[in-house]
Amino acid sequence: MPYCRNLTVKQRKAHLVDIRIGIFNSPREIGFETSQPANEIEETVTAALAAETGFLKLSDDKGKVYIIPTVGLAYVELGSEQSRHVGFVA
């Protein structure tokens, strides 16, 4: 992921985006975190839904790749991209 190579581990964790993906006819959802910007993820989801490939491909910071058929997508929820406070806040 070239956009986050120069960041320290602490900086990457502070700017994580939560992603939750709901699948039709499945009681569980797919959930993971990534340091990709939320607008970039939104563009990827929109392109996958418009394309004829039939699948959405996303990856997390740990190297896992998620390939989901677009026919089965119920929803894609993007969490806040705001930085999180690490440690105690006075």
PDB file of N, CA and C in Angstrom:
ATOM      1  N   MET A   1       0.830  -1.168   0.000  1.00  0.00           N
ATOM      2  CA  MET A   1       0.000   0.000   0.000  1.00  0.00           C
ATOM      3  C   MET A   1       0.885   1.246   0.000  1.00  0.00           C
ATOM      4  N   PRO A   2       1.129   1.817  -1.130  1.00  0.00           N
ATOM      5  CA  PRO A   2       2.084   2.905  -1.246  1.00  0.00           C
ATOM      6  C   PRO A   2       1.704   4.167  -0.487  1.00  0.00           C
ATOM      7  N   TYR A   3       0.437   4.405  -0.233  1.00  0.00           N
ATOM      8  CA  TYR A   3       0.001   5.628   0.409  1.00  0.00           C
ATOM      9  C   TYR A   3       0.298   5.662   1.889  1.00  0.00           C
ATOM     10  N   CYS A   4       0.664   4.519   2.486  1.00  0.00           N
ATOM     11  CA  CYS A   4       0.898   4.512   3.933  1.00  0.00           C
ATOM     12  C   CYS A   4       2.272   3.966   4.300  1.00  0.00           C
ATOM     13  N   ARG A   5       3.176   3.776   3.342  1.00  0.00           N
ATOM     14  CA  ARG A   5       4.494   3.227   3.649  1.00  0.00           C
ATOM     15  C   ARG A   5       5.337   4.145   4.520  1.00  0.00           C
ATOM     16  N   ASN A   6       5.195   5.436   4.356  1.00  0.00           N
ATOM     17  CA  ASN A   6       6.017   6.373   5.101  1.00  0.00           C
ATOM     18  C   ASN A   6       5.473   6.694   6.481  1.00  0.00           C
ATOM     19  N   LEU A   7       4.325   6.150   6.833  1.00  0.00           N
ATOM     20  CA  LEU A   7       3.731   6.395   8.137  1.00  0.00           C
ATOM     21  C   LEU A   7       4.250   5.393   9.165  1.00  0.00           C
ATOM     22  N   THR A   8       4.346   5.812  10.414  1.00  0.00           N
ATOM     23  CA  THR A   8       4.717   4.887  11.475  1.00  0.00           C
ATOM     24  C   THR A   8       3.502   4.024  11.820  1.00  0.00           C
ATOM     25  N   VAL A   9       3.723   2.966  12.555  1.00  0.00           N
ATOM     26  CA  VAL A   9       2.629   2.074  12.955  1.00  0.00           C
ATOM     27  C   VAL A   9       1.596   2.848  13.767  1.00  0.00           C
ATOM     28  N   LYS A  10       2.052   3.728  14.647  1.00  0.00           N
ATOM     29  CA  LYS A  10       1.149   4.518  15.482  1.00  0.00           C
ATOM     30  C   LYS A  10       0.286   5.437  14.615  1.00  0.00           C
ATOM     31  N   GLN A  11       0.883   6.051  13.582  1.00  0.00           N
ATOM     32  CA  GLN A  11       0.131   6.939  12.697  1.00  0.00           C
ATOM     33  C   GLN A  11      -0.877   6.156  11.873  1.00  0.00           C
ATOM     34  N   ARG A  12      -0.509   4.951  11.415  1.00  0.00           N
ATOM     35  CA  ARG A  12      -1.443   4.126  10.644  1.00  0.00           C
ATOM     36  C   ARG A  12      -2.651   3.748  11.476  1.00  0.00           C
ATOM     37  N   LYS A  13      -2.417   3.327  12.718  1.00  0.00           N
ATOM     38  CA  LYS A  13      -3.519   2.921  13.587  1.00  0.00           C
ATOM     39  C   LYS A  13      -4.418   4.096  13.927  1.00  0.00           C
ATOM     40  N   ALA A  14      -3.853   5.291  13.953  1.00  0.00           N
ATOM     41  CA  ALA A  14      -4.642   6.468  14.308  1.00  0.00           C
ATOM     42  C   ALA A  14      -5.570   6.888  13.181  1.00  0.00           C
ATOM     43  N   HIS A  15      -5.327   6.458  11.944  1.00  0.00           N
ATOM     44  CA  HIS A  15      -6.123   6.884  10.797  1.00  0.00           C
ATOM     45  C   HIS A  15      -6.819   5.713  10.101  1.00  0.00           C
ATOM     46  N   LEU A  16      -7.250   4.734  10.859  1.00  0.00           N
ATOM     47  CA  LEU A  16      -7.918   3.578  10.282  1.00  0.00           C
ATOM     48  C   LEU A  16      -9.377   3.877   9.978  1.00  0.00           C
ATOM     49  N   VAL A  17      -9.869   3.265   8.916  1.00  0.00           N
ATOM     50  CA  VAL A  17     -11.276   3.380   8.543  1.00  0.00           C
ATOM     51  C   VAL A  17     -11.916   2.010   8.750  1.00  0.00           C
ATOM     52  N   ASP A  18     -13.013   1.977   9.494  1.00  0.00           N
ATOM     53  CA  ASP A  18     -13.751   0.730   9.702  1.00  0.00           C
ATOM     54  C   ASP A  18     -14.646   0.475   8.500  1.00  0.00           C
ATOM     55  N   ILE A  19     -14.637  -0.764   8.011  1.00  0.00           N
ATOM     56  CA  ILE A  19     -15.495  -1.165   6.896  1.00  0.00           C
ATOM     57  C   ILE A  19     -16.335  -2.341   7.349  1.00  0.00           C
ATOM     58  N   ARG A  20     -17.639  -2.245   7.130  1.00  0.00           N
ATOM     59  CA  ARG A  20     -18.558  -3.358   7.407  1.00  0.00           C
ATOM     60  C   ARG A  20     -19.350  -3.619   6.144  1.00  0.00           C
ATOM     61  N   ILE A  21     -19.390  -4.887   5.748  1.00  0.00           N
ATOM     62  CA  ILE A  21     -20.073  -5.276   4.516  1.00  0.00           C
ATOM     63  C   ILE A  21     -21.137  -6.304   4.865  1.00  0.00           C
ATOM     64  N   GLY A  22     -22.368  -5.992   4.517  1.00  0.00           N
ATOM     65  CA  GLY A  22     -23.477  -6.909   4.737  1.00  0.00           C
ATOM     66  C   GLY A  22     -23.715  -7.743   3.490  1.00  0.00           C
ATOM     67  N   ILE A  23     -24.010  -9.017   3.694  1.00  0.00           N
ATOM     68  CA  ILE A  23     -24.251  -9.952   2.596  1.00  0.00           C
ATOM     69  C   ILE A  23     -25.696 -10.444   2.698  1.00  0.00           C
ATOM     70  N   PHE A  24     -26.394 -10.458   1.550  1.00  0.00           N
ATOM     71  CA  PHE A  24     -27.769 -10.968   1.525  1.00  0.00           C
ATOM     72  C   PHE A  24     -27.814 -12.410   2.020  1.00  0.00           C
ATOM     73  N   ASN A  25     -28.864 -12.749   2.774  1.00  0.00           N
ATOM     74  CA  ASN A  25     -29.113 -14.102   3.278  1.00  0.00           C
ATOM     75  C   ASN A  25     -27.976 -14.632   4.148  1.00  0.00           C
ATOM     76  N   SER A  26     -27.282 -13.743   4.831  1.00  0.00           N
ATOM     77  CA  SER A  26     -26.216 -14.145   5.738  1.00  0.00           C
ATOM     78  C   SER A  26     -26.379 -13.371   7.047  1.00  0.00           C
ATOM     79  N   PRO A  27     -26.410 -14.065   8.174  1.00  0.00           N
ATOM     80  CA  PRO A  27     -26.610 -13.378   9.447  1.00  0.00           C
ATOM     81  C   PRO A  27     -25.382 -12.594   9.913  1.00  0.00           C
ATOM     82  N   ARG A  28     -24.230 -12.871   9.331  1.00  0.00           N
ATOM     83  CA  ARG A  28     -23.004 -12.197   9.748  1.00  0.00           C
ATOM     84  C   ARG A  28     -22.564 -11.201   8.687  1.00  0.00           C
ATOM     85  N   GLU A  29     -21.776 -10.250   9.129  1.00  0.00           N
ATOM     86  CA  GLU A  29     -21.224  -9.276   8.205  1.00  0.00           C
ATOM     87  C   GLU A  29     -19.706  -9.404   8.189  1.00  0.00           C
ATOM     88  N   ILE A  30     -19.085  -8.883   7.149  1.00  0.00           N
ATOM     89  CA  ILE A  30     -17.634  -8.859   7.049  1.00  0.00           C
ATOM     90  C   ILE A  30     -17.189  -7.515   7.609  1.00  0.00           C
ATOM     91  N   GLY A  31     -16.255  -7.525   8.520  1.00  0.00           N
ATOM     92  CA  GLY A  31     -15.770  -6.292   9.113  1.00  0.00           C
ATOM     93  C   GLY A  31     -14.260  -6.286   9.214  1.00  0.00           C
ATOM     94  N   PHE A  32     -13.633  -5.177   8.834  1.00  0.00           N
ATOM     95  CA  PHE A  32     -12.188  -5.028   8.944  1.00  0.00           C
ATOM     96  C   PHE A  32     -11.826  -3.557   8.921  1.00  0.00           C
ATOM     97  N   GLU A  33     -10.543  -3.272   9.183  1.00  0.00           N
ATOM     98  CA  GLU A  33     -10.040  -1.907   9.182  1.00  0.00           C
ATOM     99  C   GLU A  33      -8.977  -1.757   8.107  1.00  0.00           C
ATOM    100  N   THR A  34      -8.914  -0.575   7.530  1.00  0.00           N
ATOM    101  CA  THR A  34      -7.897  -0.276   6.535  1.00  0.00           C
ATOM    102  C   THR A  34      -7.458   1.170   6.686  1.00  0.00           C
ATOM    103  N   SER A  35      -6.257   1.465   6.216  1.00  0.00           N
ATOM    104  CA  SER A  35      -5.764   2.844   6.274  1.00  0.00           C
ATOM    105  C   SER A  35      -6.014   3.574   4.954  1.00  0.00           C
ATOM    106  N   GLN A  36      -6.709   2.924   4.016  1.00  0.00           N
ATOM    107  CA  GLN A  36      -7.094   3.605   2.783  1.00  0.00           C
ATOM    108  C   GLN A  36      -8.072   4.727   3.106  1.00  0.00           C
ATOM    109  N   PRO A  37      -7.993   5.836   2.400  1.00  0.00           N
ATOM    110  CA  PRO A  37      -8.961   6.916   2.633  1.00  0.00           C
ATOM    111  C   PRO A  37     -10.384   6.460   2.294  1.00  0.00           C
ATOM    112  N   ALA A  38     -11.362   6.968   3.023  1.00  0.00           N
ATOM    113  CA  ALA A  38     -12.755   6.559   2.842  1.00  0.00           C
ATOM    114  C   ALA A  38     -13.256   6.874   1.436  1.00  0.00           C
ATOM    115  N   ASN A  39     -12.847   8.007   0.875  1.00  0.00           N
ATOM    116  CA  ASN A  39     -13.313   8.350  -0.479  1.00  0.00           C
ATOM    117  C   ASN A  39     -12.758   7.394  -1.528  1.00  0.00           C
ATOM    118  N   GLU A  40     -11.566   6.868  -1.308  1.00  0.00           N
ATOM    119  CA  GLU A  40     -10.975   5.888  -2.224  1.00  0.00           C
ATOM    120  C   GLU A  40     -11.744   4.566  -2.165  1.00  0.00           C
ATOM    121  N   ILE A  41     -12.141   4.170  -0.978  1.00  0.00           N
ATOM    122  CA  ILE A  41     -12.924   2.942  -0.815  1.00  0.00           C
ATOM    123  C   ILE A  41     -14.292   3.110  -1.465  1.00  0.00           C
ATOM    124  N   GLU A  42     -14.890   4.281  -1.266  1.00  0.00           N
ATOM    125  CA  GLU A  42     -16.190   4.558  -1.865  1.00  0.00           C
ATOM    126  C   GLU A  42     -16.123   4.485  -3.393  1.00  0.00           C
ATOM    127  N   GLU A  43     -15.052   5.018  -3.977  1.00  0.00           N
ATOM    128  CA  GLU A  43     -14.875   4.941  -5.431  1.00  0.00           C
ATOM    129  C   GLU A  43     -14.714   3.492  -5.897  1.00  0.00           C
ATOM    130  N   THR A  44     -14.001   2.690  -5.133  1.00  0.00           N
ATOM    131  CA  THR A  44     -13.803   1.279  -5.478  1.00  0.00           C
ATOM    132  C   THR A  44     -15.124   0.522  -5.452  1.00  0.00           C
ATOM    133  N   VAL A  45     -15.943   0.779  -4.430  1.00  0.00           N
ATOM    134  CA  VAL A  45     -17.248   0.117  -4.309  1.00  0.00           C
ATOM    135  C   VAL A  45     -18.165   0.539  -5.452  1.00  0.00           C
ATOM    136  N   THR A  46     -18.204   1.831  -5.745  1.00  0.00           N
ATOM    137  CA  THR A  46     -19.040   2.350  -6.827  1.00  0.00           C
ATOM    138  C   THR A  46     -18.622   1.764  -8.171  1.00  0.00           C
ATOM    139  N   ALA A  47     -17.324   1.691  -8.417  1.00  0.00           N
ATOM    140  CA  ALA A  47     -16.823   1.128  -9.673  1.00  0.00           C
ATOM    141  C   ALA A  47     -17.155  -0.357  -9.788  1.00  0.00           C
ATOM    142  N   ALA A  48     -17.058  -1.077  -8.678  1.00  0.00           N
ATOM    143  CA  ALA A  48     -17.363  -2.517  -8.705  1.00  0.00           C
ATOM    144  C   ALA A  48     -18.842  -2.764  -8.986  1.00  0.00           C
ATOM    145  N   LEU A  49     -19.708  -1.915  -8.432  1.00  0.00           N
ATOM    146  CA  LEU A  49     -21.145  -2.081  -8.670  1.00  0.00           C
ATOM    147  C   LEU A  49     -21.513  -1.729 -10.106  1.00  0.00           C
ATOM    148  N   ALA A  50     -20.794  -0.802 -10.719  1.00  0.00           N
ATOM    149  CA  ALA A  50     -21.085  -0.380 -12.090  1.00  0.00           C
ATOM    150  C   ALA A  50     -20.437  -1.297 -13.130  1.00  0.00           C
ATOM    151  N   ALA A  51     -19.366  -1.961 -12.760  1.00  0.00           N
ATOM    152  CA  ALA A  51     -18.618  -2.798 -13.703  1.00  0.00           C
ATOM    153  C   ALA A  51     -19.302  -4.143 -13.924  1.00  0.00           C
ATOM    154  N   GLU A  52     -18.885  -4.799 -14.970  1.00  0.00           N
ATOM    155  CA  GLU A  52     -19.443  -6.114 -15.300  1.00  0.00           C
ATOM    156  C   GLU A  52     -18.625  -7.262 -14.713  1.00  0.00           C
ATOM    157  N   THR A  53     -17.625  -6.956 -13.910  1.00  0.00           N
ATOM    158  CA  THR A  53     -16.794  -8.009 -13.335  1.00  0.00           C
ATOM    159  C   THR A  53     -17.568  -8.874 -12.352  1.00  0.00           C
ATOM    160  N   GLY A  54     -18.513  -8.252 -11.621  1.00  0.00           N
ATOM    161  CA  GLY A  54     -19.352  -9.026 -10.711  1.00  0.00           C
ATOM    162  C   GLY A  54     -18.790  -9.228  -9.326  1.00  0.00           C
ATOM    163  N   PHE A  55     -17.672  -8.558  -8.988  1.00  0.00           N
ATOM    164  CA  PHE A  55     -17.142  -8.707  -7.644  1.00  0.00           C
ATOM    165  C   PHE A  55     -16.490  -7.419  -7.153  1.00  0.00           C
ATOM    166  N   LEU A  56     -16.426  -7.312  -5.829  1.00  0.00           N
ATOM    167  CA  LEU A  56     -15.766  -6.203  -5.150  1.00  0.00           C
ATOM    168  C   LEU A  56     -14.533  -6.765  -4.468  1.00  0.00           C
ATOM    169  N   LYS A  57     -13.397  -6.118  -4.667  1.00  0.00           N
ATOM    170  CA  LYS A  57     -12.145  -6.596  -4.084  1.00  0.00           C
ATOM    171  C   LYS A  57     -11.552  -5.499  -3.208  1.00  0.00           C
ATOM    172  N   LEU A  58     -11.425  -5.786  -1.906  1.00  0.00           N
ATOM    173  CA  LEU A  58     -10.840  -4.867  -0.936  1.00  0.00           C
ATOM    174  C   LEU A  58      -9.794  -5.609  -0.118  1.00  0.00           C
ATOM    175  N   SER A  59      -8.877  -4.860   0.484  1.00  0.00           N
ATOM    176  CA  SER A  59      -7.863  -5.483   1.332  1.00  0.00           C
ATOM    177  C   SER A  59      -7.697  -4.684   2.613  1.00  0.00           C
ATOM    178  N   ASP A  60      -7.210  -5.373   3.647  1.00  0.00           N
ATOM    179  CA  ASP A  60      -6.979  -4.700   4.917  1.00  0.00           C
ATOM    180  C   ASP A  60      -5.486  -4.465   5.110  1.00  0.00           C
ATOM    181  N   ASP A  61      -5.113  -3.891   6.234  1.00  0.00           N
ATOM    182  CA  ASP A  61      -3.711  -3.575   6.506  1.00  0.00           C
ATOM    183  C   ASP A  61      -2.872  -4.798   6.848  1.00  0.00           C
ATOM    184  N   LYS A  62      -3.516  -5.898   7.158  1.00  0.00           N
ATOM    185  CA  LYS A  62      -2.792  -7.120   7.500  1.00  0.00           C
ATOM    186  C   LYS A  62      -2.471  -7.961   6.273  1.00  0.00           C
ATOM    187  N   GLY A  63      -2.945  -7.518   5.099  1.00  0.00           N
ATOM    188  CA  GLY A  63      -2.665  -8.236   3.863  1.00  0.00           C
ATOM    189  C   GLY A  63      -3.775  -9.167   3.413  1.00  0.00           C
ATOM    190  N   LYS A  64      -4.857  -9.264   4.161  1.00  0.00           N
ATOM    191  CA  LYS A  64      -5.977 -10.104   3.746  1.00  0.00           C
ATOM    192  C   LYS A  64      -6.719  -9.427   2.605  1.00  0.00           C
ATOM    193  N   VAL A  65      -7.155 -10.219   1.639  1.00  0.00           N
ATOM    194  CA  VAL A  65      -7.912  -9.714   0.498  1.00  0.00           C
ATOM    195  C   VAL A  65      -9.324 -10.276   0.587  1.00  0.00           C
ATOM    196  N   TYR A  66     -10.302  -9.399   0.412  1.00  0.00           N
ATOM    197  CA  TYR A  66     -11.707  -9.779   0.475  1.00  0.00           C
ATOM    198  C   TYR A  66     -12.299  -9.613  -0.924  1.00  0.00           C
ATOM    199  N   ILE A  67     -12.818 -10.704  -1.481  1.00  0.00           N
ATOM    200  CA  ILE A  67     -13.468 -10.672  -2.792  1.00  0.00           C
ATOM    201  C   ILE A  67     -14.921 -11.073  -2.571  1.00  0.00           C
ATOM    202  N   ILE A  68     -15.827 -10.130  -2.837  1.00  0.00           N
ATOM    203  CA  ILE A  68     -17.249 -10.332  -2.561  1.00  0.00           C
ATOM    204  C   ILE A  68     -18.035 -10.173  -3.848  1.00  0.00           C
ATOM    205  N   PRO A  69     -18.906 -11.125  -4.183  1.00  0.00           N
ATOM    206  CA  PRO A  69     -19.756 -10.956  -5.365  1.00  0.00           C
ATOM    207  C   PRO A  69     -20.688  -9.761  -5.183  1.00  0.00           C
ATOM    208  N   THR A  70     -20.760  -8.887  -6.163  1.00  0.00           N
ATOM    209  CA  THR A  70     -21.594  -7.688  -6.041  1.00  0.00           C
ATOM    210  C   THR A  70     -23.079  -8.022  -5.993  1.00  0.00           C
ATOM    211  N   VAL A  71     -23.461  -9.167  -6.517  1.00  0.00           N
ATOM    212  CA  VAL A  71     -24.864  -9.583  -6.473  1.00  0.00           C
ATOM    213  C   VAL A  71     -25.317  -9.794  -5.025  1.00  0.00           C
ATOM    214  N   GLY A  72     -24.402 -10.224  -4.165  1.00  0.00           N
ATOM    215  CA  GLY A  72     -24.750 -10.514  -2.780  1.00  0.00           C
ATOM    216  C   GLY A  72     -24.590  -9.357  -1.821  1.00  0.00           C
ATOM    217  N   LEU A  73     -24.154  -8.189  -2.291  1.00  0.00           N
ATOM    218  CA  LEU A  73     -23.945  -7.044  -1.396  1.00  0.00           C
ATOM    219  C   LEU A  73     -25.269  -6.471  -0.917  1.00  0.00           C
ATOM    220  N   ALA A  74     -25.459  -6.441   0.388  1.00  0.00           N
ATOM    221  CA  ALA A  74     -26.638  -5.800   0.965  1.00  0.00           C
ATOM    222  C   ALA A  74     -26.309  -4.342   1.287  1.00  0.00           C
ATOM    223  N   TYR A  75     -25.124  -4.094   1.874  1.00  0.00           N
ATOM    224  CA  TYR A  75     -24.679  -2.736   2.186  1.00  0.00           C
ATOM    225  C   TYR A  75     -23.174  -2.725   2.414  1.00  0.00           C
ATOM    226  N   VAL A  76     -22.589  -1.552   2.282  1.00  0.00           N
ATOM    227  CA  VAL A  76     -21.188  -1.319   2.625  1.00  0.00           C
ATOM    228  C   VAL A  76     -21.169  -0.075   3.506  1.00  0.00           C
ATOM    229  N   GLU A  77     -20.706  -0.241   4.727  1.00  0.00           N
ATOM    230  CA  GLU A  77     -20.671   0.854   5.687  1.00  0.00           C
ATOM    231  C   GLU A  77     -19.228   1.270   5.936  1.00  0.00           C
ATOM    232  N   LEU A  78     -18.948   2.554   5.736  1.00  0.00           N
ATOM    233  CA  LEU A  78     -17.614   3.087   5.979  1.00  0.00           C
ATOM    234  C   LEU A  78     -17.629   3.885   7.269  1.00  0.00           C
ATOM    235  N   GLY A  79     -16.708   3.569   8.171  1.00  0.00           N
ATOM    236  CA  GLY A  79     -16.630   4.288   9.434  1.00  0.00           C
ATOM    237  C   GLY A  79     -15.901   5.604   9.271  1.00  0.00           C
ATOM    238  N   SER A  80     -15.729   6.278  10.351  1.00  0.00           N
ATOM    239  CA  SER A  80     -15.091   7.585  10.367  1.00  0.00           C
ATOM    240  C   SER A  80     -13.612   7.469  10.043  1.00  0.00           C
ATOM    241  N   GLU A  81     -13.114   8.457   9.332  1.00  0.00           N
ATOM    242  CA  GLU A  81     -11.695   8.497   8.977  1.00  0.00           C
ATOM    243  C   GLU A  81     -10.931   9.423   9.921  1.00  0.00           C
ATOM    244  N   GLN A  82     -11.608   9.953  10.920  1.00  0.00           N
ATOM    245  CA  GLN A  82     -10.959  10.863  11.855  1.00  0.00           C
ATOM    246  C   GLN A  82      -9.931  10.106  12.676  1.00  0.00           C
ATOM    247  N   SER A  83      -8.879  10.814  13.031  1.00  0.00           N
ATOM    248  CA  SER A  83      -7.831  10.169  13.814  1.00  0.00           C
ATOM    249  C   SER A  83      -8.340   9.859  15.210  1.00  0.00           C
ATOM    250  N   ARG A  84      -7.881   8.742  15.713  1.00  0.00           N
ATOM    251  CA  ARG A  84      -8.269   8.306  17.053  1.00  0.00           C
ATOM    252  C   ARG A  84      -7.186   8.722  18.032  1.00  0.00           C
ATOM    253  N   HIS A  85      -7.599   9.040  19.242  1.00  0.00           N
ATOM    254  CA  HIS A  85      -6.631   9.392  20.270  1.00  0.00           C
ATOM    255  C   HIS A  85      -6.069   8.111  20.858  1.00  0.00           C
ATOM    256  N   VAL A  86      -4.754   8.064  20.977  1.00  0.00           N
ATOM    257  CA  VAL A  86      -4.083   6.914  21.550  1.00  0.00           C
ATOM    258  C   VAL A  86      -3.583   7.295  22.928  1.00  0.00           C
ATOM    259  N   GLY A  87      -3.880   6.479  23.916  1.00  0.00           N
ATOM    260  CA  GLY A  87      -3.442   6.755  25.270  1.00  0.00           C
ATOM    261  C   GLY A  87      -4.469   7.529  26.062  1.00  0.00           C
ATOM    262  N   PHE A  88      -4.028   8.118  27.140  1.00  0.00           N
ATOM    263  CA  PHE A  88      -4.934   8.860  28.010  1.00  0.00           C
ATOM    264  C   PHE A  88      -5.095  10.287  27.520  1.00  0.00           C
ATOM    265  N   VAL A  89      -6.311  10.770  27.559  1.00  0.00           N
ATOM    266  CA  VAL A  89      -6.605  12.149  27.153  1.00  0.00           C
ATOM    267  C   VAL A  89      -6.950  12.943  28.395  1.00  0.00           C
ATOM    268  N   ALA A  90      -6.258  14.042  28.579  1.00  0.00           N
ATOM    269  CA  ALA A  90      -6.472  14.855  29.779  1.00  0.00           C
ATOM    270  C   ALA A  90      -7.611  15.821  29.599  1.00  0.00           C
TER     271      ALA A  90
END
